Amino acid sequence: MRSPLTHEPTWQKSTYSAEAANCLYVAADPTSDTLHLRESDTPDSILTTTQAPLHALIHTLKPLPPEGTL
């Protein structure tokens, strides 16, 4: 279930989104640790989460490079 937005979010385009590709936008709720995510093709569909689950998802999908390769 989607949480109602308590403010007008300031959307920021992901730096990993190419100019012509589908883009992911992120907005932080200034009154909590809530993050809102939406995709450019479906801007009315907003996923709401917090930093910990999003961090876990990102690191599951894109693991850090092996130690010593940075």
N, C-alpha and C. Protein backbone atom coordinates (compact mmCIF):
# COMPACT_ATOMS: atom_id res chain seq x y z
N MET A 1 0.84 -1.18 0.00
CA MET A 1 0.00 0.00 0.00
C MET A 1 0.88 1.24 0.00
N ARG A 2 0.52 2.20 -0.79
CA ARG A 2 1.31 3.41 -0.92
C ARG A 2 0.94 4.41 0.16
N SER A 3 1.95 5.01 0.79
CA SER A 3 1.71 6.04 1.79
C SER A 3 1.35 7.34 1.09
N PRO A 4 0.41 8.09 1.67
CA PRO A 4 0.09 9.39 1.06
C PRO A 4 1.27 10.35 1.24
N LEU A 5 1.53 11.13 0.23
CA LEU A 5 2.61 12.11 0.33
C LEU A 5 2.12 13.27 1.18
N THR A 6 2.93 13.68 2.15
CA THR A 6 2.55 14.77 3.04
C THR A 6 3.07 16.12 2.54
N HIS A 7 3.78 16.10 1.44
CA HIS A 7 4.36 17.33 0.87
C HIS A 7 4.55 17.12 -0.63
N GLU A 8 4.84 18.16 -1.34
CA GLU A 8 5.16 18.04 -2.76
C GLU A 8 6.63 17.65 -2.86
N PRO A 9 6.93 16.44 -3.30
CA PRO A 9 8.33 15.99 -3.33
C PRO A 9 9.17 16.73 -4.36
N THR A 10 10.43 16.86 -4.04
CA THR A 10 11.42 17.39 -4.98
C THR A 10 12.12 16.18 -5.58
N TRP A 11 11.78 15.87 -6.82
CA TRP A 11 12.29 14.67 -7.48
C TRP A 11 13.67 14.93 -8.04
N GLN A 12 14.57 13.97 -7.86
CA GLN A 12 15.93 14.03 -8.41
C GLN A 12 16.14 12.81 -9.29
N LYS A 13 16.61 13.04 -10.49
CA LYS A 13 16.87 11.94 -11.42
C LYS A 13 18.12 11.18 -10.99
N SER A 14 18.04 9.87 -11.03
CA SER A 14 19.18 9.03 -10.69
C SER A 14 20.33 9.32 -11.63
N THR A 15 21.54 9.33 -11.11
CA THR A 15 22.72 9.56 -11.95
C THR A 15 23.01 8.36 -12.83
N TYR A 16 22.38 7.22 -12.56
CA TYR A 16 22.58 6.02 -13.37
C TYR A 16 21.60 5.94 -14.53
N SER A 17 20.68 6.90 -14.64
CA SER A 17 19.70 6.88 -15.72
C SER A 17 20.27 7.59 -16.94
N ALA A 18 20.26 6.92 -18.07
CA ALA A 18 20.73 7.53 -19.32
C ALA A 18 19.71 8.57 -19.78
N GLU A 19 20.13 9.48 -20.62
CA GLU A 19 19.25 10.55 -21.09
C GLU A 19 18.01 10.03 -21.81
N ALA A 20 18.16 9.04 -22.68
CA ALA A 20 17.04 8.58 -23.49
C ALA A 20 16.35 7.35 -22.90
N ALA A 21 16.90 6.79 -21.84
CA ALA A 21 16.35 5.56 -21.26
C ALA A 21 15.28 5.89 -20.23
N ASN A 22 14.63 4.84 -19.77
CA ASN A 22 13.69 5.00 -18.67
C ASN A 22 14.48 5.50 -17.46
N CYS A 23 13.91 6.47 -16.78
CA CYS A 23 14.64 7.11 -15.68
C CYS A 23 13.99 6.81 -14.34
N LEU A 24 14.82 6.66 -13.34
CA LEU A 24 14.36 6.50 -11.97
C LEU A 24 14.53 7.83 -11.26
N TYR A 25 13.49 8.24 -10.55
CA TYR A 25 13.53 9.48 -9.78
C TYR A 25 13.37 9.15 -8.31
N VAL A 26 14.09 9.90 -7.45
CA VAL A 26 14.06 9.70 -6.01
C VAL A 26 13.73 11.02 -5.35
N ALA A 27 12.91 10.96 -4.28
CA ALA A 27 12.61 12.14 -3.48
C ALA A 27 12.64 11.75 -2.01
N ALA A 28 13.30 12.56 -1.19
CA ALA A 28 13.37 12.32 0.25
C ALA A 28 12.30 13.16 0.94
N ASP A 29 11.65 12.56 1.93
CA ASP A 29 10.67 13.28 2.74
C ASP A 29 11.44 14.07 3.80
N PRO A 30 11.32 15.39 3.82
CA PRO A 30 12.11 16.20 4.76
C PRO A 30 11.68 16.03 6.22
N THR A 31 10.53 15.41 6.45
CA THR A 31 10.04 15.27 7.83
C THR A 31 10.28 13.88 8.41
N SER A 32 10.86 12.97 7.63
CA SER A 32 11.10 11.60 8.11
C SER A 32 12.24 10.98 7.33
N ASP A 33 12.48 9.69 7.54
CA ASP A 33 13.53 9.00 6.78
C ASP A 33 12.96 8.29 5.56
N THR A 34 11.75 8.68 5.16
CA THR A 34 11.05 8.05 4.04
C THR A 34 11.63 8.53 2.70
N LEU A 35 11.76 7.59 1.78
CA LEU A 35 12.19 7.88 0.41
C LEU A 35 11.08 7.47 -0.54
N HIS A 36 10.87 8.25 -1.58
CA HIS A 36 9.88 7.94 -2.60
C HIS A 36 10.61 7.71 -3.92
N LEU A 37 10.20 6.67 -4.64
CA LEU A 37 10.81 6.32 -5.92
C LEU A 37 9.73 6.24 -6.97
N ARG A 38 10.03 6.71 -8.17
CA ARG A 38 9.10 6.57 -9.29
C ARG A 38 9.91 6.40 -10.57
N GLU A 39 9.26 5.82 -11.56
CA GLU A 39 9.88 5.57 -12.86
C GLU A 39 9.25 6.54 -13.85
N SER A 40 10.03 7.04 -14.79
CA SER A 40 9.55 8.08 -15.70
C SER A 40 8.35 7.66 -16.53
N ASP A 41 8.24 6.37 -16.87
CA ASP A 41 7.10 5.92 -17.68
C ASP A 41 5.80 5.86 -16.89
N THR A 42 5.89 5.74 -15.57
CA THR A 42 4.69 5.66 -14.71
C THR A 42 4.85 6.59 -13.51
N PRO A 43 4.84 7.90 -13.73
CA PRO A 43 5.12 8.85 -12.65
C PRO A 43 4.06 8.87 -11.55
N ASP A 44 2.87 8.34 -11.80
CA ASP A 44 1.84 8.32 -10.76
C ASP A 44 1.99 7.12 -9.83
N SER A 45 2.83 6.17 -10.18
CA SER A 45 3.09 5.01 -9.33
C SER A 45 4.34 5.31 -8.50
N ILE A 46 4.16 5.46 -7.21
CA ILE A 46 5.26 5.85 -6.33
C ILE A 46 5.49 4.75 -5.29
N LEU A 47 6.73 4.29 -5.20
CA LEU A 47 7.13 3.31 -4.20
C LEU A 47 7.70 4.08 -3.02
N THR A 48 7.26 3.73 -1.82
CA THR A 48 7.74 4.39 -0.61
C THR A 48 8.52 3.39 0.23
N THR A 49 9.70 3.81 0.69
CA THR A 49 10.56 2.94 1.49
C THR A 49 11.38 3.81 2.43
N THR A 50 12.33 3.19 3.13
CA THR A 50 13.29 3.91 3.96
C THR A 50 14.69 3.53 3.49
N GLN A 51 15.69 4.17 4.07
CA GLN A 51 17.06 3.96 3.59
C GLN A 51 17.56 2.53 3.75
N ALA A 52 17.30 1.89 4.88
CA ALA A 52 17.86 0.55 5.12
C ALA A 52 17.40 -0.48 4.09
N PRO A 53 16.09 -0.61 3.81
CA PRO A 53 15.69 -1.59 2.79
C PRO A 53 16.18 -1.24 1.39
N LEU A 54 16.21 0.05 1.05
CA LEU A 54 16.70 0.45 -0.27
C LEU A 54 18.20 0.15 -0.39
N HIS A 55 18.94 0.43 0.65
CA HIS A 55 20.38 0.14 0.68
C HIS A 55 20.61 -1.36 0.48
N ALA A 56 19.86 -2.18 1.19
CA ALA A 56 19.99 -3.64 1.06
C ALA A 56 19.67 -4.10 -0.36
N LEU A 57 18.62 -3.55 -0.95
CA LEU A 57 18.24 -3.91 -2.32
C LEU A 57 19.35 -3.54 -3.31
N ILE A 58 19.85 -2.33 -3.21
CA ILE A 58 20.89 -1.87 -4.14
C ILE A 58 22.14 -2.74 -4.01
N HIS A 59 22.54 -3.06 -2.79
CA HIS A 59 23.75 -3.86 -2.61
C HIS A 59 23.54 -5.33 -2.95
N THR A 60 22.31 -5.78 -2.97
CA THR A 60 22.01 -7.14 -3.43
C THR A 60 22.08 -7.19 -4.95
N LEU A 61 21.54 -6.15 -5.60
CA LEU A 61 21.52 -6.12 -7.05
C LEU A 61 22.88 -5.73 -7.65
N LYS A 62 23.62 -4.90 -6.95
CA LYS A 62 24.91 -4.42 -7.44
C LYS A 62 25.92 -4.49 -6.31
N PRO A 63 26.52 -5.66 -6.11
CA PRO A 63 27.48 -5.81 -5.01
C PRO A 63 28.70 -4.91 -5.19
N LEU A 64 29.35 -4.62 -4.08
CA LEU A 64 30.57 -3.84 -4.13
C LEU A 64 31.66 -4.62 -4.86
N PRO A 65 32.59 -3.91 -5.52
CA PRO A 65 33.70 -4.61 -6.19
C PRO A 65 34.58 -5.30 -5.14
N PRO A 66 35.32 -6.32 -5.55
CA PRO A 66 36.21 -7.03 -4.62
C PRO A 66 37.17 -6.07 -3.94
N GLU A 67 37.51 -6.37 -2.71
CA GLU A 67 38.40 -5.53 -1.93
C GLU A 67 39.74 -5.35 -2.66
N GLY A 68 40.25 -4.12 -2.66
CA GLY A 68 41.52 -3.84 -3.30
C GLY A 68 41.42 -3.44 -4.77
N THR A 69 40.19 -3.40 -5.32
CA THR A 69 40.06 -3.03 -6.73
C THR A 69 39.56 -1.61 -6.94
N LEU A 70 39.33 -0.88 -5.87
CA LEU A 70 38.87 0.51 -6.03
C LEU A 70 39.97 1.46 -6.32
